[in-house]
Amino acid sequence: MNTDLNSQMGSPRAISGEGWATIAGVVGSALLLAKKLVSPKPVKAEPVSRAEFYAEMMATRERINATQLAILEKLDANHRELLAALERQGNRINSVETGLARVDERSRE
């Protein structure tokens, strides 16, 4: 046993680039394996009979048609409302023009 306190200790070996690549590969593989083991298993879909498929398809088509009908009714109501507002504005413009024509007649006299 060497009791000399000034003796040199061996320097630790440096890890080469290949060593770091190996460490990264091992850690990455371990993470992927852990993810695969921990993740939930996908549920297999149950087969659907042709009758069930067509019944669901018809129900979906009916829902789509009902939605389209509701949209068309709302568009029709908005259209009627806009036409009524346009009629009111037309009446106001006509009354303003009539009043302006009267003022113009009075100013000519």
C-alpha atoms as a PDB file:
ATOM      1  CA  MET A   1       0.000   0.000   0.000  1.00  0.00           C
ATOM      2  CA  ASN A   2       1.345   3.344  -0.994  1.00  0.00           C
ATOM      3  CA  THR A   3       1.102   5.974   1.756  1.00  0.00           C
ATOM      4  CA  ASP A   4       2.480   8.792  -0.340  1.00  0.00           C
ATOM      5  CA  LEU A   5      -0.196  11.498  -0.344  1.00  0.00           C
ATOM      6  CA  ASN A   6       1.274  13.219  -3.358  1.00  0.00           C
ATOM      7  CA  SER A   7       0.942  10.210  -5.587  1.00  0.00           C
ATOM      8  CA  GLN A   8      -1.063  10.654  -8.744  1.00  0.00           C
ATOM      9  CA  MET A   9      -4.462   9.053  -8.970  1.00  0.00           C
ATOM     10  CA  GLY A  10      -5.434   7.481 -12.222  1.00  0.00           C
ATOM     11  CA  SER A  11      -7.563   9.769 -14.375  1.00  0.00           C
ATOM     12  CA  PRO A  12     -11.046   8.508 -15.218  1.00  0.00           C
ATOM     13  CA  ARG A  13     -11.455   7.260 -18.746  1.00  0.00           C
ATOM     14  CA  ALA A  14     -13.338   9.569 -21.087  1.00  0.00           C
ATOM     15  CA  ILE A  15     -16.354   8.140 -22.885  1.00  0.00           C
ATOM     16  CA  SER A  16     -15.955   8.185 -26.648  1.00  0.00           C
ATOM     17  CA  GLY A  17     -18.628   9.193 -29.165  1.00  0.00           C
ATOM     18  CA  GLU A  18     -19.441   5.555 -29.825  1.00  0.00           C
ATOM     19  CA  GLY A  19     -19.918   5.022 -26.102  1.00  0.00           C
ATOM     20  CA  TRP A  20     -22.396   7.909 -25.893  1.00  0.00           C
ATOM     21  CA  ALA A  21     -24.238   6.570 -28.950  1.00  0.00           C
ATOM     22  CA  THR A  22     -24.487   3.152 -27.316  1.00  0.00           C
ATOM     23  CA  ILE A  23     -25.803   4.662 -24.085  1.00  0.00           C
ATOM     24  CA  ALA A  24     -28.377   6.733 -25.994  1.00  0.00           C
ATOM     25  CA  GLY A  25     -29.466   3.651 -27.956  1.00  0.00           C
ATOM     26  CA  VAL A  26     -29.917   1.575 -24.818  1.00  0.00           C
ATOM     27  CA  VAL A  27     -31.874   4.322 -23.037  1.00  0.00           C
ATOM     28  CA  GLY A  28     -34.064   4.908 -26.119  1.00  0.00           C
ATOM     29  CA  SER A  29     -34.772   1.198 -26.517  1.00  0.00           C
ATOM     30  CA  ALA A  30     -35.674   0.926 -22.837  1.00  0.00           C
ATOM     31  CA  LEU A  31     -38.085   3.875 -23.147  1.00  0.00           C
ATOM     32  CA  LEU A  32     -39.751   2.404 -26.240  1.00  0.00           C
ATOM     33  CA  LEU A  33     -40.123  -0.971 -24.545  1.00  0.00           C
ATOM     34  CA  ALA A  34     -41.612   0.662 -21.441  1.00  0.00           C
ATOM     35  CA  LYS A  35     -44.033   2.665 -23.580  1.00  0.00           C
ATOM     36  CA  LYS A  36     -45.152  -0.455 -25.408  1.00  0.00           C
ATOM     37  CA  LEU A  37     -45.699  -2.378 -22.186  1.00  0.00           C
ATOM     38  CA  VAL A  38     -47.500   0.451 -20.375  1.00  0.00           C
ATOM     39  CA  SER A  39     -49.718   1.754 -23.190  1.00  0.00           C
ATOM     40  CA  PRO A  40     -53.307   0.432 -23.279  1.00  0.00           C
ATOM     41  CA  LYS A  41     -54.144  -2.232 -25.782  1.00  0.00           C
ATOM     42  CA  PRO A  42     -56.315  -1.110 -28.714  1.00  0.00           C
ATOM     43  CA  VAL A  43     -59.898  -2.322 -28.599  1.00  0.00           C
ATOM     44  CA  LYS A  44     -60.891  -4.443 -31.547  1.00  0.00           C
ATOM     45  CA  ALA A  45     -64.021  -3.222 -33.277  1.00  0.00           C
ATOM     46  CA  GLU A  46     -66.969  -5.560 -33.302  1.00  0.00           C
ATOM     47  CA  PRO A  47     -68.225  -6.510 -36.727  1.00  0.00           C
ATOM     48  CA  VAL A  48     -71.486  -4.824 -37.704  1.00  0.00           C
ATOM     49  CA  SER A  49     -74.162  -6.626 -39.640  1.00  0.00           C
ATOM     50  CA  ARG A  50     -75.409  -5.208 -42.911  1.00  0.00           C
ATOM     51  CA  ALA A  51     -78.858  -4.534 -41.423  1.00  0.00           C
ATOM     52  CA  GLU A  52     -77.383  -2.608 -38.477  1.00  0.00           C
ATOM     53  CA  PHE A  53     -75.181  -0.620 -40.842  1.00  0.00           C
ATOM     54  CA  TYR A  54     -78.091   0.363 -43.096  1.00  0.00           C
ATOM     55  CA  ALA A  55     -80.304   1.193 -40.094  1.00  0.00           C
ATOM     56  CA  GLU A  56     -77.638   3.524 -38.683  1.00  0.00           C
ATOM     57  CA  MET A  57     -77.051   5.021 -42.119  1.00  0.00           C
ATOM     58  CA  MET A  58     -80.768   5.775 -42.519  1.00  0.00           C
ATOM     59  CA  ALA A  59     -80.936   7.304 -39.030  1.00  0.00           C
ATOM     60  CA  THR A  60     -77.960   9.505 -39.862  1.00  0.00           C
ATOM     61  CA  ARG A  61     -79.556  10.526 -43.157  1.00  0.00           C
ATOM     62  CA  GLU A  62     -82.760  11.464 -41.311  1.00  0.00           C
ATOM     63  CA  ARG A  63     -80.779  13.587 -38.832  1.00  0.00           C
ATOM     64  CA  ILE A  64     -79.001  15.334 -41.716  1.00  0.00           C
ATOM     65  CA  ASN A  65     -82.300  15.982 -43.490  1.00  0.00           C
ATOM     66  CA  ALA A  66     -83.857  17.375 -40.300  1.00  0.00           C
ATOM     67  CA  THR A  67     -80.867  19.668 -39.829  1.00  0.00           C
ATOM     68  CA  GLN A  68     -81.061  20.854 -43.439  1.00  0.00           C
ATOM     69  CA  LEU A  69     -84.788  21.505 -43.078  1.00  0.00           C
ATOM     70  CA  ALA A  70     -84.197  23.561 -39.919  1.00  0.00           C
ATOM     71  CA  ILE A  71     -81.512  25.593 -41.703  1.00  0.00           C
ATOM     72  CA  LEU A  72     -83.809  26.198 -44.678  1.00  0.00           C
ATOM     73  CA  GLU A  73     -86.626  27.343 -42.386  1.00  0.00           C
ATOM     74  CA  LYS A  74     -84.284  29.749 -40.617  1.00  0.00           C
ATOM     75  CA  LEU A  75     -83.019  31.097 -43.952  1.00  0.00           C
ATOM     76  CA  ASP A  76     -86.606  31.585 -45.122  1.00  0.00           C
ATOM     77  CA  ALA A  77     -87.497  33.472 -41.915  1.00  0.00           C
ATOM     78  CA  ASN A  78     -84.410  35.692 -42.311  1.00  0.00           C
ATOM     79  CA  HIS A  79     -85.321  36.324 -45.952  1.00  0.00           C
ATOM     80  CA  ARG A  80     -88.858  37.400 -45.016  1.00  0.00           C
ATOM     81  CA  GLU A  81     -87.463  39.663 -42.274  1.00  0.00           C
ATOM     82  CA  LEU A  82     -85.037  41.300 -44.705  1.00  0.00           C
ATOM     83  CA  LEU A  83     -87.775  41.858 -47.278  1.00  0.00           C
ATOM     84  CA  ALA A  84     -89.970  43.504 -44.630  1.00  0.00           C
ATOM     85  CA  ALA A  85     -87.095  45.766 -43.526  1.00  0.00           C
ATOM     86  CA  LEU A  86     -86.400  46.660 -47.155  1.00  0.00           C
ATOM     87  CA  GLU A  87     -90.084  47.539 -47.669  1.00  0.00           C
ATOM     88  CA  ARG A  88     -89.992  49.806 -44.586  1.00  0.00           C
ATOM     89  CA  GLN A  89     -86.871  51.538 -45.842  1.00  0.00           C
ATOM     90  CA  GLY A  90     -88.472  51.994 -49.266  1.00  0.00           C
ATOM     91  CA  ASN A  91     -91.505  53.630 -47.647  1.00  0.00           C
ATOM     92  CA  ARG A  92     -89.264  55.974 -45.638  1.00  0.00           C
ATOM     93  CA  ILE A  93     -87.306  56.939 -48.757  1.00  0.00           C
ATOM     94  CA  ASN A  94     -90.537  57.613 -50.647  1.00  0.00           C
ATOM     95  CA  SER A  95     -91.844  59.861 -47.851  1.00  0.00           C
ATOM     96  CA  VAL A  96     -88.541  61.761 -47.715  1.00  0.00           C
ATOM     97  CA  GLU A  97     -88.616  62.232 -51.512  1.00  0.00           C
ATOM     98  CA  THR A  98     -92.226  63.453 -51.326  1.00  0.00           C
ATOM     99  CA  GLY A  99     -91.327  65.960 -48.620  1.00  0.00           C
ATOM    100  CA  LEU A 100     -88.306  67.118 -50.578  1.00  0.00           C
ATOM    101  CA  ALA A 101     -90.443  67.611 -53.685  1.00  0.00           C
ATOM    102  CA  ARG A 102     -92.878  69.771 -51.670  1.00  0.00           C
ATOM    103  CA  VAL A 103     -90.002  71.909 -50.336  1.00  0.00           C
ATOM    104  CA  ASP A 104     -88.693  72.276 -53.875  1.00  0.00           C
ATOM    105  CA  GLU A 105     -92.144  73.413 -55.109  1.00  0.00           C
ATOM    106  CA  ARG A 106     -92.428  75.967 -52.305  1.00  0.00           C
ATOM    107  CA  SER A 107     -88.990  77.379 -53.023  1.00  0.00           C
ATOM    108  CA  ARG A 108     -89.899  77.905 -56.714  1.00  0.00           C
ATOM    109  CA  GLU A 109     -92.994  79.947 -55.838  1.00  0.00           C
END
